[in-house]
PDB file of all heavy atoms in Angstrom:
ATOM      1  N   VAL A   1     118.932  91.009  81.973  1.00  0.00           N
ATOM      2  CA  VAL A   1     117.816  90.932  81.024  1.00  0.00           C
ATOM      3  C   VAL A   1     117.279  92.330  80.751  1.00  0.00           C
ATOM      4  O   VAL A   1     117.288  93.192  81.639  1.00  0.00           O
ATOM      5  CB  VAL A   1     116.678  90.049  81.591  1.00  0.00           C
ATOM      6  CG1 VAL A   1     115.473  90.055  80.661  1.00  0.00           C
ATOM      7  CG2 VAL A   1     117.153  88.613  81.825  1.00  0.00           C
ATOM      8  N   ALA A   2     116.836  92.550  79.521  1.00  0.00           N
ATOM      9  CA  ALA A   2     116.049  93.736  79.179  1.00  0.00           C
ATOM     10  C   ALA A   2     114.774  93.276  78.500  1.00  0.00           C
ATOM     11  O   ALA A   2     114.794  92.329  77.701  1.00  0.00           O
ATOM     12  CB  ALA A   2     116.834  94.667  78.259  1.00  0.00           C
ATOM     13  N   LEU A   3     113.661  93.917  78.811  1.00  0.00           N
ATOM     14  CA  LEU A   3     112.394  93.600  78.155  1.00  0.00           C
ATOM     15  C   LEU A   3     112.318  94.295  76.796  1.00  0.00           C
ATOM     16  O   LEU A   3     112.748  95.440  76.655  1.00  0.00           O
ATOM     17  CB  LEU A   3     111.214  94.046  79.022  1.00  0.00           C
ATOM     18  CG  LEU A   3     110.955  93.238  80.296  1.00  0.00           C
ATOM     19  CD1 LEU A   3     109.819  93.869  81.087  1.00  0.00           C
ATOM     20  CD2 LEU A   3     110.640  91.777  79.974  1.00  0.00           C
ATOM     21  N   CYS A   4     111.748  93.606  75.804  1.00  0.00           N
ATOM     22  CA  CYS A   4     111.620  94.141  74.453  1.00  0.00           C
ATOM     23  C   CYS A   4     110.259  93.744  73.886  1.00  0.00           C
ATOM     24  O   CYS A   4     109.595  92.854  74.412  1.00  0.00           O
ATOM     25  CB  CYS A   4     112.740  93.605  73.551  1.00  0.00           C
ATOM     26  SG  CYS A   4     114.414  93.759  74.255  1.00  0.00           S
ATOM     27  N   ASN A   5     109.866  94.385  72.774  1.00  0.00           N
ATOM     28  CA  ASN A   5     108.535  94.109  72.235  1.00  0.00           C
ATOM     29  C   ASN A   5     108.543  93.365  70.906  1.00  0.00           C
ATOM     30  O   ASN A   5     107.486  92.974  70.407  1.00  0.00           O
ATOM     31  CB  ASN A   5     107.716  95.400  72.113  1.00  0.00           C
ATOM     32  CG  ASN A   5     108.336  96.400  71.148  1.00  0.00           C
ATOM     33  OD1 ASN A   5     109.282  96.103  70.421  1.00  0.00           O
ATOM     34  ND2 ASN A   5     107.819  97.616  71.144  1.00  0.00           N
ATOM     35  N   ASP A   6     109.693  93.182  70.276  1.00  0.00           N
ATOM     36  CA  ASP A   6     109.879  92.314  69.107  1.00  0.00           C
ATOM     37  C   ASP A   6     109.144  92.808  67.870  1.00  0.00           C
ATOM     38  O   ASP A   6     109.742  93.441  67.003  1.00  0.00           O
ATOM     39  CB  ASP A   6     109.489  90.879  69.457  1.00  0.00           C
ATOM     40  CG  ASP A   6     110.152  89.854  68.545  1.00  0.00           C
ATOM     41  OD1 ASP A   6     111.090  90.220  67.815  1.00  0.00           O
ATOM     42  OD2 ASP A   6     109.751  88.680  68.580  1.00  0.00           O
ATOM     43  N   ASP A   7     107.851  92.525  67.733  1.00  0.00           N
ATOM     44  CA  ASP A   7     107.095  92.815  66.502  1.00  0.00           C
ATOM     45  C   ASP A   7     105.689  93.306  66.836  1.00  0.00           C
ATOM     46  O   ASP A   7     104.688  92.648  66.513  1.00  0.00           O
ATOM     47  CB  ASP A   7     106.990  91.555  65.644  1.00  0.00           C
ATOM     48  CG  ASP A   7     108.343  90.946  65.332  1.00  0.00           C
ATOM     49  OD1 ASP A   7     109.057  91.495  64.486  1.00  0.00           O
ATOM     50  OD2 ASP A   7     108.669  89.910  65.947  1.00  0.00           O
ATOM     51  N   PRO A   8     105.547  94.443  67.493  1.00  0.00           N
ATOM     52  CA  PRO A   8     104.239  94.829  68.049  1.00  0.00           C
ATOM     53  C   PRO A   8     103.127  95.000  67.026  1.00  0.00           C
ATOM     54  O   PRO A   8     101.971  94.706  67.328  1.00  0.00           O
ATOM     55  CB  PRO A   8     104.540  96.144  68.777  1.00  0.00           C
ATOM     56  CG  PRO A   8     105.816  96.641  68.172  1.00  0.00           C
ATOM     57  CD  PRO A   8     106.596  95.428  67.803  1.00  0.00           C
ATOM     58  N   ALA A   9     103.433  95.472  65.808  1.00  0.00           N
ATOM     59  CA  ALA A   9     102.369  95.674  64.820  1.00  0.00           C
ATOM     60  C   ALA A   9     101.724  94.353  64.421  1.00  0.00           C
ATOM     61  O   ALA A   9     100.516  94.285  64.179  1.00  0.00           O
ATOM     62  CB  ALA A   9     102.931  96.370  63.580  1.00  0.00           C
ATOM     63  N   ILE A  10     102.514  93.297  64.371  1.00  0.00           N
ATOM     64  CA  ILE A  10     102.010  91.993  63.942  1.00  0.00           C
ATOM     65  C   ILE A  10     101.423  91.211  65.108  1.00  0.00           C
ATOM     66  O   ILE A  10     100.443  90.481  64.960  1.00  0.00           O
ATOM     67  CB  ILE A  10     103.131  91.183  63.267  1.00  0.00           C
ATOM     68  CG1 ILE A  10     103.616  91.902  62.001  1.00  0.00           C
ATOM     69  CG2 ILE A  10     102.681  89.768  62.937  1.00  0.00           C
ATOM     70  CD1 ILE A  10     104.823  91.258  61.340  1.00  0.00           C
ATOM     71  N   LEU A  11     102.011  91.375  66.295  1.00  0.00           N
ATOM     72  CA  LEU A  11     101.650  90.538  67.435  1.00  0.00           C
ATOM     73  C   LEU A  11     100.435  91.029  68.210  1.00  0.00           C
ATOM     74  O   LEU A  11      99.948  90.333  69.096  1.00  0.00           O
ATOM     75  CB  LEU A  11     102.843  90.423  68.381  1.00  0.00           C
ATOM     76  CG  LEU A  11     104.092  89.777  67.778  1.00  0.00           C
ATOM     77  CD1 LEU A  11     105.257  89.857  68.742  1.00  0.00           C
ATOM     78  CD2 LEU A  11     103.829  88.324  67.392  1.00  0.00           C
ATOM     79  N   GLY A  12      99.969  92.245  67.916  1.00  0.00           N
ATOM     80  CA  GLY A  12      98.719  92.689  68.522  1.00  0.00           C
ATOM     81  C   GLY A  12      98.836  93.717  69.627  1.00  0.00           C
ATOM     82  O   GLY A  12      97.839  94.043  70.276  1.00  0.00           O
ATOM     83  N   GLN A  13     100.053  94.279  69.851  1.00  0.00           N
ATOM     84  CA  GLN A  13     100.152  95.303  70.890  1.00  0.00           C
ATOM     85  C   GLN A  13      99.425  96.588  70.523  1.00  0.00           C
ATOM     86  O   GLN A  13      99.037  97.342  71.388  1.00  0.00           O
ATOM     87  CB  GLN A  13     101.633  95.615  71.203  1.00  0.00           C
ATOM     88  CG  GLN A  13     102.311  94.580  72.073  1.00  0.00           C
ATOM     89  CD  GLN A  13     103.148  93.604  71.275  1.00  0.00           C
ATOM     90  OE1 GLN A  13     102.685  93.102  70.252  1.00  0.00           O
ATOM     91  NE2 GLN A  13     104.353  93.307  71.726  1.00  0.00           N
ATOM     92  N   GLY A  14      99.305  96.868  69.233  1.00  0.00           N
ATOM     93  CA  GLY A  14      98.543  98.036  68.812  1.00  0.00           C
ATOM     94  C   GLY A  14      99.341  99.311  68.706  1.00  0.00           C
ATOM     95  O   GLY A  14      98.865 100.302  68.179  1.00  0.00           O
ATOM     96  N   ASN A  15     100.571  99.332  69.227  1.00  0.00           N
ATOM     97  CA  ASN A  15     101.448 100.488  69.083  1.00  0.00           C
ATOM     98  C   ASN A  15     102.893 100.013  69.174  1.00  0.00           C
ATOM     99  O   ASN A  15     103.157  98.834  69.405  1.00  0.00           O
ATOM    100  CB  ASN A  15     101.141 101.556  70.145  1.00  0.00           C
ATOM    101  CG  ASN A  15     101.238 100.999  71.550  1.00  0.00           C
ATOM    102  OD1 ASN A  15     102.287 100.496  71.968  1.00  0.00           O
ATOM    103  ND2 ASN A  15     100.152 101.078  72.291  1.00  0.00           N
ATOM    104  N   SER A  16     103.821 100.938  69.002  1.00  0.00           N
ATOM    105  CA  SER A  16     105.238 100.567  68.927  1.00  0.00           C
ATOM    106  C   SER A  16     105.945 100.568  70.270  1.00  0.00           C
ATOM    107  O   SER A  16     107.123 100.224  70.345  1.00  0.00           O
ATOM    108  CB  SER A  16     105.967 101.531  67.976  1.00  0.00           C
ATOM    109  OG  SER A  16     105.368 101.511  66.702  1.00  0.00           O
ATOM    110  N   GLY A  17     105.255 100.965  71.327  1.00  0.00           N
ATOM    111  CA  GLY A  17     105.897 101.069  72.630  1.00  0.00           C
ATOM    112  C   GLY A  17     106.052  99.726  73.338  1.00  0.00           C
ATOM    113  O   GLY A  17     105.672  98.671  72.833  1.00  0.00           O
ATOM    114  N   MET A  18     106.589  99.794  74.565  1.00  0.00           N
ATOM    115  CA  MET A  18     106.872  98.589  75.341  1.00  0.00           C
ATOM    116  C   MET A  18     105.986  98.428  76.569  1.00  0.00           C
ATOM    117  O   MET A  18     106.192  97.523  77.371  1.00  0.00           O
ATOM    118  CB  MET A  18     108.340  98.590  75.782  1.00  0.00           C
ATOM    119  CG  MET A  18     109.327  98.392  74.652  1.00  0.00           C
ATOM    120  SD  MET A  18     110.950  97.893  75.278  1.00  0.00           S
ATOM    121  CE  MET A  18     111.557  99.454  75.930  1.00  0.00           C
ATOM    122  N   THR A  19     104.996  99.292  76.727  1.00  0.00           N
ATOM    123  CA  THR A  19     104.192  99.264  77.945  1.00  0.00           C
ATOM    124  C   THR A  19     103.491  97.927  78.151  1.00  0.00           C
ATOM    125  O   THR A  19     103.396  97.435  79.283  1.00  0.00           O
ATOM    126  CB  THR A  19     103.169 100.414  77.930  1.00  0.00           C
ATOM    127  OG1 THR A  19     103.872 101.660  77.961  1.00  0.00           O
ATOM    128  CG2 THR A  19     102.242 100.343  79.134  1.00  0.00           C
ATOM    129  N   HIS A  20     102.993  97.316  77.085  1.00  0.00           N
ATOM    130  CA  HIS A  20     102.295  96.041  77.248  1.00  0.00           C
ATOM    131  C   HIS A  20     103.213  94.963  77.823  1.00  0.00           C
ATOM    132  O   HIS A  20     102.823  94.219  78.729  1.00  0.00           O
ATOM    133  CB  HIS A  20     101.703  95.577  75.911  1.00  0.00           C
ATOM    134  CG  HIS A  20     100.549  96.400  75.443  1.00  0.00           C
ATOM    135  ND1 HIS A  20     100.678  97.361  74.465  1.00  0.00           N
ATOM    136  CD2 HIS A  20      99.246  96.424  75.820  1.00  0.00           C
ATOM    137  CE1 HIS A  20      99.494  97.939  74.262  1.00  0.00           C
ATOM    138  NE2 HIS A  20      98.613  97.387  75.065  1.00  0.00           N
ATOM    139  N   ASP A  21     104.432  94.858  77.294  1.00  0.00           N
ATOM    140  CA  ASP A  21     105.364  93.849  77.811  1.00  0.00           C
ATOM    141  C   ASP A  21     105.754  94.159  79.251  1.00  0.00           C
ATOM    142  O   ASP A  21     105.862  93.251  80.083  1.00  0.00           O
ATOM    143  CB  ASP A  21     106.601  93.785  76.921  1.00  0.00           C
ATOM    144  CG  ASP A  21     106.333  93.066  75.614  1.00  0.00           C
ATOM    145  OD1 ASP A  21     106.480  91.830  75.574  1.00  0.00           O
ATOM    146  OD2 ASP A  21     105.966  93.731  74.629  1.00  0.00           O
ATOM    147  N   PHE A  22     105.973  95.434  79.568  1.00  0.00           N
ATOM    148  CA  PHE A  22     106.320  95.811  80.939  1.00  0.00           C
ATOM    149  C   PHE A  22     105.169  95.500  81.887  1.00  0.00           C
ATOM    150  O   PHE A  22     105.376  94.996  82.988  1.00  0.00           O
ATOM    151  CB  PHE A  22     106.665  97.311  80.985  1.00  0.00           C
ATOM    152  CG  PHE A  22     108.116  97.608  80.707  1.00  0.00           C
ATOM    153  CD1 PHE A  22     108.708  97.268  79.498  1.00  0.00           C
ATOM    154  CD2 PHE A  22     108.901  98.245  81.650  1.00  0.00           C
ATOM    155  CE1 PHE A  22     110.030  97.539  79.233  1.00  0.00           C
ATOM    156  CE2 PHE A  22     110.235  98.524  81.409  1.00  0.00           C
ATOM    157  CZ  PHE A  22     110.804  98.163  80.189  1.00  0.00           C
ATOM    158  N   TRP A  23     103.938  95.816  81.467  1.00  0.00           N
ATOM    159  CA  TRP A  23     102.781  95.557  82.320  1.00  0.00           C
ATOM    160  C   TRP A  23     102.617  94.064  82.552  1.00  0.00           C
ATOM    161  O   TRP A  23     102.355  93.629  83.679  1.00  0.00           O
ATOM    162  CB  TRP A  23     101.526  96.128  81.675  1.00  0.00           C
ATOM    163  CG  TRP A  23     100.317  96.027  82.554  1.00  0.00           C
ATOM    164  CD1 TRP A  23      99.811  96.993  83.381  1.00  0.00           C
ATOM    165  CD2 TRP A  23      99.468  94.880  82.710  1.00  0.00           C
ATOM    166  NE1 TRP A  23      98.694  96.521  84.039  1.00  0.00           N
ATOM    167  CE2 TRP A  23      98.470  95.223  83.649  1.00  0.00           C
ATOM    168  CE3 TRP A  23      99.457  93.608  82.158  1.00  0.00           C
ATOM    169  CZ2 TRP A  23      97.472  94.338  84.036  1.00  0.00           C
ATOM    170  CZ3 TRP A  23      98.468  92.714  82.549  1.00  0.00           C
ATOM    171  CH2 TRP A  23      97.488  93.089  83.472  1.00  0.00           C
ATOM    172  N   GLN A  24     102.725  93.266  81.490  1.00  0.00           N
ATOM    173  CA  GLN A  24     102.558  91.817  81.631  1.00  0.00           C
ATOM    174  C   GLN A  24     103.543  91.255  82.660  1.00  0.00           C
ATOM    175  O   GLN A  24     103.175  90.422  83.492  1.00  0.00           O
ATOM    176  CB  GLN A  24     102.793  91.132  80.280  1.00  0.00           C
ATOM    177  CG  GLN A  24     101.640  91.234  79.312  1.00  0.00           C
ATOM    178  CD  GLN A  24     100.543  90.228  79.598  1.00  0.00           C
ATOM    179  OE1 GLN A  24      99.663  90.487  80.398  1.00  0.00           O
ATOM    180  NE2 GLN A  24     100.589  89.095  78.933  1.00  0.00           N
ATOM    181  N   ALA A  25     104.784  91.688  82.595  1.00  0.00           N
ATOM    182  CA  ALA A  25     105.794  91.192  83.534  1.00  0.00           C
ATOM    183  C   ALA A  25     105.474  91.639  84.955  1.00  0.00           C
ATOM    184  O   ALA A  25     105.552  90.851  85.907  1.00  0.00           O
ATOM    185  CB  ALA A  25     107.182  91.688  83.120  1.00  0.00           C
ATOM    186  N   LEU A  26     105.088  92.894  85.118  1.00  0.00           N
ATOM    187  CA  LEU A  26     104.797  93.418  86.449  1.00  0.00           C
ATOM    188  C   LEU A  26     103.599  92.717  87.072  1.00  0.00           C
ATOM    189  O   LEU A  26     103.631  92.341  88.255  1.00  0.00           O
ATOM    190  CB  LEU A  26     104.534  94.925  86.360  1.00  0.00           C
ATOM    191  CG  LEU A  26     104.149  95.640  87.653  1.00  0.00           C
ATOM    192  CD1 LEU A  26     105.260  95.528  88.690  1.00  0.00           C
ATOM    193  CD2 LEU A  26     103.818  97.102  87.379  1.00  0.00           C
ATOM    194  N   GLN A  27     102.552  92.515  86.301  1.00  0.00           N
ATOM    195  CA  GLN A  27     101.350  91.894  86.838  1.00  0.00           C
ATOM    196  C   GLN A  27     101.509  90.384  87.002  1.00  0.00           C
ATOM    197  O   GLN A  27     100.934  89.783  87.903  1.00  0.00           O
ATOM    198  CB  GLN A  27     100.165  92.188  85.911  1.00  0.00           C
ATOM    199  CG  GLN A  27      98.828  91.694  86.408  1.00  0.00           C
ATOM    200  CD  GLN A  27      98.404  92.310  87.718  1.00  0.00           C
ATOM    201  OE1 GLN A  27      98.749  91.810  88.777  1.00  0.00           O
ATOM    202  NE2 GLN A  27      97.670  93.417  87.661  1.00  0.00           N
ATOM    203  N   GLY A  28     102.332  89.769  86.170  1.00  0.00           N
ATOM    204  CA  GLY A  28     102.424  88.323  86.171  1.00  0.00           C
ATOM    205  C   GLY A  28     103.349  87.724  87.215  1.00  0.00           C
ATOM    206  O   GLY A  28     103.119  86.606  87.673  1.00  0.00           O
ATOM    207  N   TRP A  29     104.412  88.446  87.603  1.00  0.00           N
ATOM    208  CA  TRP A  29     105.457  87.837  88.438  1.00  0.00           C
ATOM    209  C   TRP A  29     105.546  88.519  89.803  1.00  0.00           C
ATOM    210  O   TRP A  29     105.879  89.704  89.914  1.00  0.00           O
ATOM    211  CB  TRP A  29     106.812  87.915  87.733  1.00  0.00           C
ATOM    212  CG  TRP A  29     106.798  87.246  86.387  1.00  0.00           C
ATOM    213  CD1 TRP A  29     106.043  86.179  86.004  1.00  0.00           C
ATOM    214  CD2 TRP A  29     107.559  87.623  85.231  1.00  0.00           C
ATOM    215  NE1 TRP A  29     106.293  85.851  84.699  1.00  0.00           N
ATOM    216  CE2 TRP A  29     107.211  86.713  84.196  1.00  0.00           C
ATOM    217  CE3 TRP A  29     108.497  88.622  84.973  1.00  0.00           C
ATOM    218  CZ2 TRP A  29     107.784  86.780  82.926  1.00  0.00           C
ATOM    219  CZ3 TRP A  29     109.065  88.686  83.713  1.00  0.00           C
ATOM    220  CH2 TRP A  29     108.706  87.776  82.707  1.00  0.00           C
ATOM    221  N   GLU A  30     105.291  87.768  90.828  1.00  0.00           N
ATOM    222  CA  GLU A  30     105.245  88.300  92.197  1.00  0.00           C
ATOM    223  C   GLU A  30     106.587  88.871  92.638  1.00  0.00           C
ATOM    224  O   GLU A  30     106.660  89.863  93.360  1.00  0.00           O
ATOM    225  CB  GLU A  30     104.831  87.179  93.164  1.00  0.00           C
ATOM    226  CG  GLU A  30     104.295  87.677  94.490  1.00  0.00           C
ATOM    227  CD  GLU A  30     102.908  88.290  94.359  1.00  0.00           C
ATOM    228  OE1 GLU A  30     102.130  87.833  93.501  1.00  0.00           O
ATOM    229  OE2 GLU A  30     102.608  89.218  95.119  1.00  0.00           O
ATOM    230  N   ASN A  31     107.686  88.256  92.218  1.00  0.00           N
ATOM    231  CA  ASN A  31     109.018  88.671  92.675  1.00  0.00           C
ATOM    232  C   ASN A  31     109.564  89.905  91.972  1.00  0.00           C
ATOM    233  O   ASN A  31     110.622  90.394  92.342  1.00  0.00           O
ATOM    234  CB  ASN A  31     110.023  87.528  92.481  1.00  0.00           C
ATOM    235  CG  ASN A  31     110.127  86.634  93.703  1.00  0.00           C
ATOM    236  OD1 ASN A  31     109.786  87.038  94.811  1.00  0.00           O
ATOM    237  ND2 ASN A  31     110.596  85.418  93.505  1.00  0.00           N
ATOM    238  N   LEU A  32     108.877  90.401  90.962  1.00  0.00           N
ATOM    239  CA  LEU A  32     109.461  91.460  90.135  1.00  0.00           C
ATOM    240  C   LEU A  32     109.246  92.849  90.728  1.00  0.00           C
ATOM    241  O   LEU A  32     110.196  93.496  91.152  1.00  0.00           O
ATOM    242  CB  LEU A  32     108.895  91.390  88.717  1.00  0.00           C
ATOM    243  CG  LEU A  32     109.634  92.241  87.688  1.00  0.00           C
ATOM    244  CD1 LEU A  32     111.022  91.695  87.435  1.00  0.00           C
ATOM    245  CD2 LEU A  32     108.849  92.304  86.376  1.00  0.00           C
ATOM    246  N   GLY A  33     108.014  93.300  90.744  1.00  0.00           N
ATOM    247  CA  GLY A  33     107.721  94.633  91.253  1.00  0.00           C
ATOM    248  C   GLY A  33     108.249  95.731  90.349  1.00  0.00           C
ATOM    249  O   GLY A  33     108.932  95.484  89.348  1.00  0.00           O
ATOM    250  N   LEU A  34     107.933  96.967  90.713  1.00  0.00           N
ATOM    251  CA  LEU A  34     108.453  98.115  89.974  1.00  0.00           C
ATOM    252  C   LEU A  34     109.977  98.151  90.036  1.00  0.00           C
ATOM    253  O   LEU A  34     110.636  98.592  89.089  1.00  0.00           O
ATOM    254  CB  LEU A  34     107.866  99.412  90.543  1.00  0.00           C
ATOM    255  CG  LEU A  34     108.209 100.699  89.789  1.00  0.00           C
ATOM    256  CD1 LEU A  34     107.683 100.647  88.362  1.00  0.00           C
ATOM    257  CD2 LEU A  34     107.662 101.918  90.519  1.00  0.00           C
ATOM    258  N   GLU A  35     110.538  97.640  91.137  1.00  0.00           N
ATOM    259  CA  GLU A  35     112.003  97.592  91.267  1.00  0.00           C
ATOM    260  C   GLU A  35     112.610  96.755  90.154  1.00  0.00           C
ATOM    261  O   GLU A  35     113.626  97.131  89.547  1.00  0.00           O
ATOM    262  CB  GLU A  35     112.415  96.994  92.616  1.00  0.00           C
ATOM    263  CG  GLU A  35     111.781  97.655  93.831  1.00  0.00           C
ATOM    264  CD  GLU A  35     110.546  96.920  94.321  1.00  0.00           C
ATOM    265  OE1 GLU A  35     109.687  96.594  93.479  1.00  0.00           O
ATOM    266  OE2 GLU A  35     110.460  96.653  95.532  1.00  0.00           O
ATOM    267  N   GLY A  36     112.011  95.588  89.905  1.00  0.00           N
ATOM    268  CA  GLY A  36     112.523  94.714  88.859  1.00  0.00           C
ATOM    269  C   GLY A  36     112.396  95.319  87.476  1.00  0.00           C
ATOM    270  O   GLY A  36     113.300  95.183  86.638  1.00  0.00           O
TER     271      GLY A  36
END
């Protein structure tokens, strides 16, 4: 799997980067961690 941001301007991320999706996954899933 690779994380992606799809349509950030429309979906509300506020910028073109992927930090929001990466943060959501890191904070949301106990098994992931920075390693994941």
